[in-house]
Amino acid sequence: AWSPIYSHADVIALGTKDSGGVGFDDYGGELELCDMKITCPEGSQPTPQVIGSIKTTTRFSSLGWTPGNASVADNFKMGLIAGGMTDGKINIWDAESIVSSPSSAAVASIDNH
């Protein structure tokens, strides 16, 4: 999911599968924020860079990123990232915290939806 925040337009959230699993087993994964540097000046050869990541206990089945309403935007400067997980849960993270303080990035987890 691409960042909806103009000042972070080069950043993409990627829900990855943990490399330890084989087949359809669910061994967890990782949420990575990558700066793709696509708005760098012409002629430069920028290299994408992982700017933040967190481990997850299950894999992703979907991923979305929102700036939210005015209240959310005031409290979460890089917006919120929601992950639909293969165990049926929806996890929500503060994108800015994934970069600066991964251990406190979790905002909510919804079991029943």
Foldseek 3Di string as FASTA:
>chain_A
DAQPAPVQRQKDWDFAADPPDDDPDWAWTKIWIKRNCPVPDPPDDDDIDTQFMDTGRGGFPDKDFDCDDPVSCVVQVRGKMWTQGPLRKIWIFRPVCRRVPVVPGTDDIGRDD
